[in-house]
Amino acid sequence: MSEKQMREWLQLALKNENFLDFTTQIHGTAGKADGYLGKVIFLTVTGKTKTGAKTLDLVIKTSSQSAQLRKQITIKLFFQREIHVYERVVPTFAQFAKDSGADLPDFVPKCLATKEEEQVEMIVLENLKPKGYVLWDRKVPMDCDHVELVLGSFAKWHAFSLALRHKRCDNFAKLVENNVNVFPYHILRNGMDETIYNYLQEIKKSHFGPNCAEIKDFELTRDKIRHILGNFFEQEPDFHVILHGDCWTNNFLFKLEENTNKPSHCCIIDWQCAALASPVMDLSFFVYTCVDTGIHKDVKKLLRIYYDILGQTLRQFRCDPGEIFPFEKLEQHWKQFSVYGLLLATFILKFSLCDAEEAPDFGEIAEQGKSFLEGLDFKIRNEESYVTRVKHNILHCLRNSN
């Protein structure tokens, strides 16, 4: 991205901020292990307005311009999904909350501008880190306080969909028309289902982690994996919500209290995989990539935390949780759909647990003439933790699906 292009994008983002002029200071970029579809730039904008000086801390997300990578990955589609969330979904939810006297969606960062060009996409957002928000260490399962905050944010987000469909079904229909479930589409398009199958076979053979009969007998055929990725998103349409769709550790920011260092608020970022399906697609993705399922063995406790806040939020819209989405239906969906999160965790956990230098650079790999799948063929030093966590996930999935 050139300086001229960056300034043009910032001028677009700042058109409502009343700057007479401004300067920028770039603080750095996200590493390759923290973002894979483009570049993330952190910067501060300082300038003058008619009333005095003004400073804004911003993030610019820009897509990879590698022609080879854009052939392998539908990057434009990923960015279009995120732009749709910021430009249409969040404003619709916010207006719905305002009209209903409900709490506004305060768990999504403010978006200042988006732009699509032929070979590049851009999103400018507020940078929450100067406000005290931090990432959780992606190599470590989240503790109870952080898990509860994430479940609460998902509950509120999903409740907006359920309530909007119930109260203003035409508005909800407009938000989800022409929906593409981009993550499973990308997995199947690139043959990653075969990679997932091979990962599972290798994990079952590994001597790391539990090696009980349940692990050895666990089997998902290639056809079953393709069915899960291709068909699960079409089932139970009466309970579909707009999903986040990419629920790994690096997509949650936490505000920490100054005195106790405990998290007090969770903000969800990176909406490029926004999709439409059962809430359990988000919940299982999160549980199997961010939670220690060797400790949190009973999923019902986690589902109850989620459902209590879902119910509180639905009641703000004068909706009956028991009518719109009973707890028993949530439990049924977990048994029916949670294996989806298990599948994704088999490769997402590799990215969570790898060292920065081990993470693949998909742009560089594509420019070398190699396929996206070749980029997934990487080893990590933390293999024991990876295998152990996946095996605990398998046991958790089996024992909570009966």
Protein backbone atom coordinates (compact mmCIF):
# COMPACT_ATOMS: atom_id res chain seq x y z
CA MET A 1 0.00 0.00 0.00
CA SER A 2 1.45 3.36 -1.05
CA GLU A 3 1.46 6.47 1.15
CA LYS A 4 -0.86 8.16 -1.35
CA GLN A 5 -3.34 5.28 -1.17
CA MET A 6 -3.25 5.26 2.62
CA ARG A 7 -3.91 8.99 2.78
CA GLU A 8 -6.84 8.67 0.38
CA TRP A 9 -8.35 5.92 2.52
CA LEU A 10 -7.82 7.93 5.70
CA GLN A 11 -9.46 10.98 4.14
CA LEU A 12 -12.47 8.80 3.41
CA ALA A 13 -12.48 7.50 6.99
CA LEU A 14 -12.11 10.97 8.50
CA LYS A 15 -14.73 12.81 6.44
CA ASN A 16 -17.08 12.99 9.44
CA GLU A 17 -14.37 13.81 11.98
CA ASN A 18 -14.04 17.50 10.93
CA PHE A 19 -10.26 17.47 10.46
CA LEU A 20 -8.86 20.54 8.70
CA ASP A 21 -5.59 18.66 8.21
CA PHE A 22 -3.90 15.67 9.78
CA THR A 23 -0.65 13.76 10.14
CA THR A 24 -0.18 10.03 10.72
CA GLN A 25 2.16 7.97 12.84
CA ILE A 26 2.39 4.26 12.05
CA HIS A 27 3.07 2.09 15.09
CA GLY A 28 3.43 -1.28 13.40
CA THR A 29 1.64 -4.17 11.75
CA ALA A 30 0.19 -7.49 12.88
CA GLY A 31 2.51 -10.47 12.43
CA LYS A 32 1.90 -13.24 9.93
CA ALA A 33 0.76 -15.54 12.75
CA ASP A 34 -2.03 -13.10 13.65
CA GLY A 35 -3.58 -12.50 10.22
CA TYR A 36 -3.44 -14.45 6.98
CA LEU A 37 -5.49 -12.65 4.30
CA GLY A 38 -3.72 -9.31 4.18
CA LYS A 39 -2.08 -6.64 6.28
CA VAL A 40 -3.21 -4.96 9.49
CA ILE A 41 -1.67 -1.54 10.21
CA PHE A 42 -1.87 0.29 13.55
CA LEU A 43 -1.58 4.06 13.43
CA THR A 44 -2.47 7.33 15.12
CA VAL A 45 -4.01 10.28 13.30
CA THR A 46 -3.41 13.74 14.78
CA GLY A 47 -4.81 16.94 13.39
CA LYS A 48 -6.68 20.17 13.85
CA THR A 49 -10.39 20.84 13.84
CA LYS A 50 -12.25 24.14 14.18
CA THR A 51 -12.50 23.48 17.91
CA GLY A 52 -8.93 22.36 18.56
CA ALA A 53 -6.56 19.41 18.30
CA LYS A 54 -7.87 15.88 17.83
CA THR A 55 -6.27 12.43 17.94
CA LEU A 56 -7.65 9.09 16.76
CA ASP A 57 -6.12 5.63 17.15
CA LEU A 58 -7.01 3.54 14.11
CA VAL A 59 -6.52 0.18 12.43
CA ILE A 60 -6.38 -0.24 8.67
CA LYS A 61 -7.14 -3.72 7.37
CA THR A 62 -6.15 -4.20 3.75
CA SER A 63 -6.38 -7.35 1.69
CA SER A 64 -3.45 -9.12 0.07
CA GLN A 65 -2.85 -7.92 -3.49
CA SER A 66 -0.98 -11.08 -4.46
CA ALA A 67 -2.60 -12.19 -7.72
CA GLN A 68 -1.63 -15.81 -7.08
CA LEU A 69 -3.08 -15.86 -3.56
CA ARG A 70 -6.29 -14.18 -4.73
CA LYS A 71 -6.71 -17.01 -7.25
CA GLN A 72 -6.37 -19.62 -4.50
CA ILE A 73 -8.42 -17.87 -1.81
CA THR A 74 -11.61 -15.92 -2.39
CA ILE A 75 -10.16 -12.92 -0.56
CA LYS A 76 -12.65 -10.47 -2.03
CA LEU A 77 -15.52 -12.59 -0.74
CA PHE A 78 -14.03 -12.68 2.77
CA PHE A 79 -13.68 -8.89 2.84
CA GLN A 80 -17.15 -8.41 1.38
CA ARG A 81 -18.58 -10.42 4.27
CA GLU A 82 -16.86 -8.19 6.83
CA ILE A 83 -17.83 -5.01 4.99
CA HIS A 84 -21.43 -6.25 4.94
CA VAL A 85 -21.37 -6.70 8.72
CA TYR A 86 -20.02 -3.19 9.36
CA GLU A 87 -22.02 -1.38 6.69
CA ARG A 88 -25.40 -3.13 7.01
CA VAL A 89 -25.73 -5.63 9.86
CA VAL A 90 -24.37 -3.57 12.76
CA PRO A 91 -26.31 -0.38 11.81
CA THR A 92 -29.52 -2.43 11.44
CA PHE A 93 -28.99 -4.09 14.82
CA ALA A 94 -28.18 -0.73 16.44
CA GLN A 95 -31.33 0.93 15.07
CA PHE A 96 -33.42 -2.05 16.14
CA ALA A 97 -31.99 -1.80 19.67
CA LYS A 98 -32.63 1.95 19.79
CA ASP A 99 -36.23 1.53 18.64
CA SER A 100 -36.77 -1.25 21.20
CA GLY A 101 -35.11 0.44 24.16
CA ALA A 102 -32.51 -2.34 24.28
CA ASP A 103 -28.77 -2.14 24.89
CA LEU A 104 -26.76 -1.17 21.83
CA PRO A 105 -24.29 -3.70 20.37
CA ASP A 106 -21.15 -2.48 22.16
CA PHE A 107 -19.07 -5.58 21.45
CA VAL A 108 -18.10 -4.67 17.85
CA PRO A 109 -15.46 -2.01 17.09
CA LYS A 110 -16.52 1.22 15.41
CA CYS A 111 -15.98 1.19 11.65
CA LEU A 112 -15.01 4.52 10.05
CA ALA A 113 -14.81 3.48 6.40
CA THR A 114 -14.76 0.60 3.93
CA LYS A 115 -13.75 0.47 0.29
CA GLU A 116 -13.64 -2.12 -2.47
CA GLU A 117 -11.45 -1.77 -5.54
CA GLU A 118 -10.68 -4.31 -8.25
CA GLN A 119 -7.71 -5.95 -6.58
CA VAL A 120 -7.79 -4.58 -3.04
CA GLU A 121 -10.25 -4.12 -0.21
CA MET A 122 -9.91 -1.87 2.83
CA ILE A 123 -11.55 -1.38 6.23
CA VAL A 124 -10.69 1.38 8.74
CA LEU A 125 -11.62 0.70 12.36
CA GLU A 126 -11.06 2.22 15.76
CA ASN A 127 -8.05 0.73 17.53
CA LEU A 128 -9.21 -0.59 20.89
CA LYS A 129 -5.78 -1.40 22.28
CA PRO A 130 -5.02 2.17 23.49
CA LYS A 131 -8.31 1.94 25.42
CA GLY A 132 -6.92 -0.97 27.43
CA TYR A 133 -8.06 -3.91 25.31
CA VAL A 134 -5.68 -6.84 24.92
CA LEU A 135 -5.58 -10.22 23.22
CA TRP A 136 -5.50 -13.45 25.16
CA ASP A 137 -2.37 -15.56 24.60
CA ARG A 138 -3.43 -17.77 21.68
CA LYS A 139 -1.26 -20.66 22.90
CA VAL A 140 -3.12 -21.00 26.20
CA PRO A 141 -6.76 -22.07 26.70
CA MET A 142 -8.87 -19.22 28.09
CA ASP A 143 -9.67 -19.08 31.80
CA CYS A 144 -13.24 -19.03 33.10
CA ASP A 145 -13.58 -15.24 33.27
CA HIS A 146 -12.60 -14.81 29.62
CA VAL A 147 -14.71 -17.76 28.46
CA GLU A 148 -17.79 -16.31 30.14
CA LEU A 149 -17.29 -12.90 28.51
CA VAL A 150 -16.96 -14.41 25.04
CA LEU A 151 -20.06 -16.56 25.55
CA GLY A 152 -21.90 -13.46 26.72
CA SER A 153 -20.90 -11.43 23.67
CA PHE A 154 -21.96 -14.25 21.34
CA ALA A 155 -25.26 -14.58 23.22
CA LYS A 156 -26.00 -10.88 22.71
CA TRP A 157 -24.97 -10.99 19.05
CA HIS A 158 -27.08 -14.06 18.27
CA ALA A 159 -30.03 -12.62 20.19
CA PHE A 160 -30.15 -9.65 17.80
CA SER A 161 -30.70 -12.05 14.89
CA LEU A 162 -33.33 -14.09 16.68
CA ALA A 163 -35.24 -11.03 17.85
CA LEU A 164 -35.01 -9.21 14.50
CA ARG A 165 -36.29 -12.28 12.65
CA HIS A 166 -39.18 -12.51 15.14
CA LYS A 167 -40.11 -8.81 15.19
CA ARG A 168 -39.02 -7.55 11.77
CA CYS A 169 -38.66 -10.60 9.56
CA ASP A 170 -38.42 -8.54 6.34
CA ASN A 171 -35.43 -6.61 7.73
CA PHE A 172 -33.70 -9.84 8.72
CA ALA A 173 -34.40 -11.38 5.30
CA LYS A 174 -32.73 -8.40 3.59
CA LEU A 175 -29.62 -8.77 5.75
CA VAL A 176 -29.15 -12.44 4.83
CA GLU A 177 -30.17 -12.44 1.17
CA ASN A 178 -27.43 -13.72 -1.14
CA ASN A 179 -25.59 -15.08 1.90
CA VAL A 180 -22.45 -17.14 1.30
CA ASN A 181 -21.06 -19.27 4.12
CA VAL A 182 -17.56 -18.38 3.08
CA PHE A 183 -15.44 -20.44 5.50
CA PRO A 184 -16.87 -23.90 4.70
CA TYR A 185 -17.07 -22.85 1.03
CA HIS A 186 -13.36 -22.02 1.09
CA ILE A 187 -12.50 -25.29 2.87
CA LEU A 188 -14.33 -27.44 0.33
CA ARG A 189 -13.18 -25.36 -2.66
CA ASN A 190 -9.53 -25.88 -1.72
CA GLY A 191 -9.80 -29.54 -0.72
CA MET A 192 -9.09 -28.81 2.95
CA ASP A 193 -11.59 -31.50 3.93
CA GLU A 194 -8.93 -34.04 2.93
CA THR A 195 -6.39 -32.19 5.10
CA ILE A 196 -8.77 -32.36 8.06
CA TYR A 197 -9.28 -36.09 7.49
CA ASN A 198 -5.50 -36.69 7.37
CA TYR A 199 -4.90 -34.59 10.49
CA LEU A 200 -7.43 -36.69 12.41
CA GLN A 201 -5.80 -39.94 11.30
CA GLU A 202 -2.37 -38.70 12.42
CA ILE A 203 -3.72 -37.50 15.76
CA LYS A 204 -5.38 -40.83 16.51
CA LYS A 205 -2.06 -42.62 15.93
CA SER A 206 -0.02 -40.24 18.09
CA HIS A 207 1.19 -41.43 21.48
CA PHE A 208 0.64 -37.95 22.94
CA GLY A 209 -2.44 -37.29 25.06
CA PRO A 210 -5.17 -39.78 26.03
CA ASN A 211 -5.15 -43.06 24.12
CA CYS A 212 -8.37 -44.66 25.30
CA ALA A 213 -10.62 -46.87 23.19
CA GLU A 214 -12.94 -43.93 22.42
CA ILE A 215 -10.09 -42.15 20.64
CA LYS A 216 -8.98 -45.23 18.73
CA ASP A 217 -12.54 -46.06 17.64
CA PHE A 218 -13.44 -42.49 16.67
CA GLU A 219 -13.96 -42.28 12.91
CA LEU A 220 -15.18 -39.61 10.53
CA THR A 221 -15.12 -40.68 6.90
CA ARG A 222 -14.23 -38.28 4.11
CA ASP A 223 -17.85 -38.26 2.99
CA LYS A 224 -19.05 -37.45 6.52
CA ILE A 225 -16.60 -34.55 6.78
CA ARG A 226 -17.80 -33.14 3.45
CA HIS A 227 -21.40 -33.56 4.60
CA ILE A 228 -20.72 -31.66 7.82
CA LEU A 229 -19.03 -28.80 5.99
CA GLY A 230 -21.49 -28.69 3.12
CA ASN A 231 -24.87 -29.48 4.66
CA PHE A 232 -24.90 -28.46 8.32
CA PHE A 233 -25.34 -24.79 7.43
CA GLU A 234 -28.62 -25.54 5.67
CA GLN A 235 -30.26 -27.42 8.54
CA GLU A 236 -32.73 -26.02 11.12
CA PRO A 237 -33.26 -22.72 9.18
CA ASP A 238 -35.90 -21.45 11.63
CA PHE A 239 -33.14 -20.97 14.20
CA HIS A 240 -30.48 -19.48 11.94
CA VAL A 241 -28.55 -16.45 13.16
CA ILE A 242 -25.87 -14.28 11.60
CA LEU A 243 -22.66 -15.94 12.76
CA HIS A 244 -19.22 -14.52 13.40
CA GLY A 245 -17.80 -17.66 11.81
CA ASP A 246 -14.12 -17.41 12.81
CA CYS A 247 -14.04 -17.92 16.56
CA TRP A 248 -10.37 -18.46 17.32
CA THR A 249 -8.49 -16.70 20.12
CA ASN A 250 -7.11 -13.76 18.16
CA ASN A 251 -10.57 -12.49 17.27
CA PHE A 252 -11.47 -11.47 20.83
CA LEU A 253 -10.22 -8.36 22.61
CA PHE A 254 -10.64 -7.97 26.37
CA LYS A 255 -10.79 -4.81 28.49
CA LEU A 256 -8.92 -5.38 31.73
CA GLU A 257 -9.78 -3.72 35.04
CA GLU A 258 -6.91 -1.56 36.28
CA ASN A 259 -6.73 -2.86 39.85
CA THR A 260 -7.55 -6.56 39.46
CA ASN A 261 -6.40 -7.17 35.86
CA LYS A 262 -9.63 -9.14 35.41
CA PRO A 263 -11.48 -8.82 32.10
CA SER A 264 -14.59 -6.64 32.24
CA HIS A 265 -15.65 -6.52 28.60
CA CYS A 266 -15.15 -8.49 25.36
CA CYS A 267 -15.14 -7.07 21.86
CA ILE A 268 -15.35 -9.36 18.82
CA ILE A 269 -13.24 -8.45 15.80
CA ASP A 270 -12.55 -9.82 12.29
CA TRP A 271 -15.95 -10.56 10.73
CA GLN A 272 -14.66 -11.91 7.41
CA CYS A 273 -16.28 -15.31 7.89
CA ALA A 274 -19.73 -14.01 8.86
CA ALA A 275 -22.25 -16.69 7.92
CA LEU A 276 -25.79 -17.94 8.52
CA ALA A 277 -26.63 -21.08 10.52
CA SER A 278 -27.31 -22.41 14.03
CA PRO A 279 -25.63 -20.51 16.90
CA VAL A 280 -23.85 -23.76 17.76
CA MET A 281 -21.57 -23.29 14.74
CA ASP A 282 -20.02 -20.31 16.54
CA LEU A 283 -20.19 -21.88 19.98
CA SER A 284 -18.55 -25.18 19.00
CA PHE A 285 -15.86 -23.37 17.01
CA PHE A 286 -15.07 -21.27 20.09
CA VAL A 287 -15.21 -24.13 22.61
CA TYR A 288 -12.98 -26.46 20.59
CA THR A 289 -10.34 -23.84 19.74
CA CYS A 290 -10.26 -21.64 22.86
CA VAL A 291 -11.45 -23.72 25.84
CA ASP A 292 -9.64 -26.52 27.66
CA THR A 293 -12.15 -29.31 27.10
CA GLY A 294 -10.07 -31.60 29.29
CA ILE A 295 -11.19 -29.40 32.21
CA HIS A 296 -14.57 -28.10 31.00
CA LYS A 297 -15.94 -31.57 30.33
CA ASP A 298 -19.65 -30.78 30.73
CA VAL A 299 -20.77 -28.49 27.93
CA LYS A 300 -24.14 -27.90 29.60
CA LYS A 301 -22.53 -25.47 32.05
CA LEU A 302 -21.13 -23.41 29.16
CA LEU A 303 -24.41 -23.54 27.28
CA ARG A 304 -26.26 -22.33 30.38
CA ILE A 305 -23.94 -19.31 30.71
CA TYR A 306 -24.59 -18.48 27.06
CA TYR A 307 -28.34 -19.08 27.27
CA ASP A 308 -28.89 -16.96 30.38
CA ILE A 309 -27.49 -13.89 28.60
CA LEU A 310 -29.26 -14.80 25.35
CA GLY A 311 -32.52 -14.83 27.31
CA GLN A 312 -31.78 -11.51 29.02
CA THR A 313 -31.09 -9.89 25.66
CA LEU A 314 -34.17 -11.36 23.97
CA ARG A 315 -36.36 -10.07 26.79
CA GLN A 316 -35.05 -6.55 26.13
CA PHE A 317 -36.75 -6.88 22.74
CA ARG A 318 -39.89 -8.23 24.47
CA CYS A 319 -39.28 -11.70 23.05
CA ASP A 320 -39.87 -14.95 24.93
CA PRO A 321 -36.65 -17.06 24.87
CA GLY A 322 -38.65 -20.22 25.50
CA GLU A 323 -40.71 -19.54 22.40
CA ILE A 324 -37.98 -18.32 20.06
CA PHE A 325 -35.11 -20.64 21.02
CA PRO A 326 -35.73 -22.99 23.98
CA PHE A 327 -32.73 -24.23 25.95
CA GLU A 328 -33.67 -27.78 24.95
CA LYS A 329 -33.33 -26.76 21.29
CA LEU A 330 -29.87 -25.34 22.01
CA GLU A 331 -28.87 -28.64 23.61
CA GLN A 332 -30.25 -30.53 20.63
CA HIS A 333 -28.27 -28.31 18.25
CA TRP A 334 -25.09 -28.95 20.24
CA LYS A 335 -25.53 -32.70 19.87
CA GLN A 336 -26.36 -32.30 16.20
CA PHE A 337 -23.84 -29.68 15.03
CA SER A 338 -20.93 -29.41 17.48
CA VAL A 339 -18.76 -31.81 15.48
CA TYR A 340 -18.33 -28.89 13.05
CA GLY A 341 -16.23 -27.03 15.63
CA LEU A 342 -14.24 -30.19 16.30
CA LEU A 343 -13.32 -30.44 12.61
CA LEU A 344 -12.17 -26.84 12.36
CA ALA A 345 -10.15 -27.09 15.55
CA THR A 346 -8.02 -29.85 14.03
CA PHE A 347 -6.25 -27.25 11.91
CA ILE A 348 -7.05 -23.97 13.71
CA LEU A 349 -5.27 -25.21 16.84
CA LYS A 350 -2.10 -25.59 14.78
CA PHE A 351 -2.23 -21.86 14.05
CA SER A 352 -3.04 -21.11 17.70
CA LEU A 353 -0.11 -23.13 19.04
CA CYS A 354 2.60 -22.41 16.47
CA ASP A 355 5.47 -20.03 17.08
CA ALA A 356 5.45 -16.89 14.92
CA GLU A 357 8.29 -18.13 12.70
CA GLU A 358 6.48 -21.45 12.13
CA ALA A 359 3.33 -19.83 10.77
CA PRO A 360 2.93 -20.14 6.98
CA ASP A 361 3.02 -17.01 4.82
CA PHE A 362 0.28 -17.84 2.32
CA GLY A 363 1.10 -14.88 0.07
CA GLU A 364 4.71 -15.95 -0.23
CA ILE A 365 3.70 -19.58 -0.72
CA ALA A 366 1.31 -18.63 -3.53
CA GLU A 367 3.93 -16.47 -5.27
CA GLN A 368 6.26 -19.51 -5.25
CA GLY A 369 3.67 -21.38 -7.31
CA LYS A 370 2.63 -23.63 -4.43
CA SER A 371 -0.96 -24.39 -3.46
CA PHE A 372 -2.81 -23.23 -0.38
CA LEU A 373 -2.91 -26.84 0.84
CA GLU A 374 0.88 -27.01 0.74
CA GLY A 375 0.90 -24.09 3.14
CA LEU A 376 -1.10 -26.13 5.63
CA ASP A 377 1.59 -28.80 5.66
CA PHE A 378 3.69 -27.30 8.44
CA LYS A 379 5.11 -28.69 11.65
CA ILE A 380 5.03 -27.06 15.06
CA ARG A 381 7.29 -27.54 18.06
CA ASN A 382 4.26 -27.60 20.33
CA GLU A 383 2.95 -30.84 18.83
CA GLU A 384 2.24 -32.50 22.18
CA SER A 385 -0.11 -29.70 23.27
CA TYR A 386 -1.76 -29.70 19.85
CA VAL A 387 -2.44 -33.44 19.80
CA THR A 388 -3.55 -33.51 23.43
CA ARG A 389 -6.04 -30.69 22.94
CA VAL A 390 -7.54 -32.26 19.82
CA LYS A 391 -7.90 -35.61 21.60
CA HIS A 392 -9.62 -33.92 24.54
CA ASN A 393 -11.93 -32.27 22.00
CA ILE A 394 -12.78 -35.64 20.47
CA LEU A 395 -13.66 -37.07 23.88
CA HIS A 396 -15.65 -33.96 24.75
CA CYS A 397 -17.60 -34.13 21.49
CA LEU A 398 -18.36 -37.82 21.91
CA ARG A 399 -19.42 -37.55 25.54
CA ASN A 400 -21.60 -34.44 25.03
CA SER A 401 -23.36 -35.70 21.91
CA ASN A 402 -25.31 -38.53 23.55
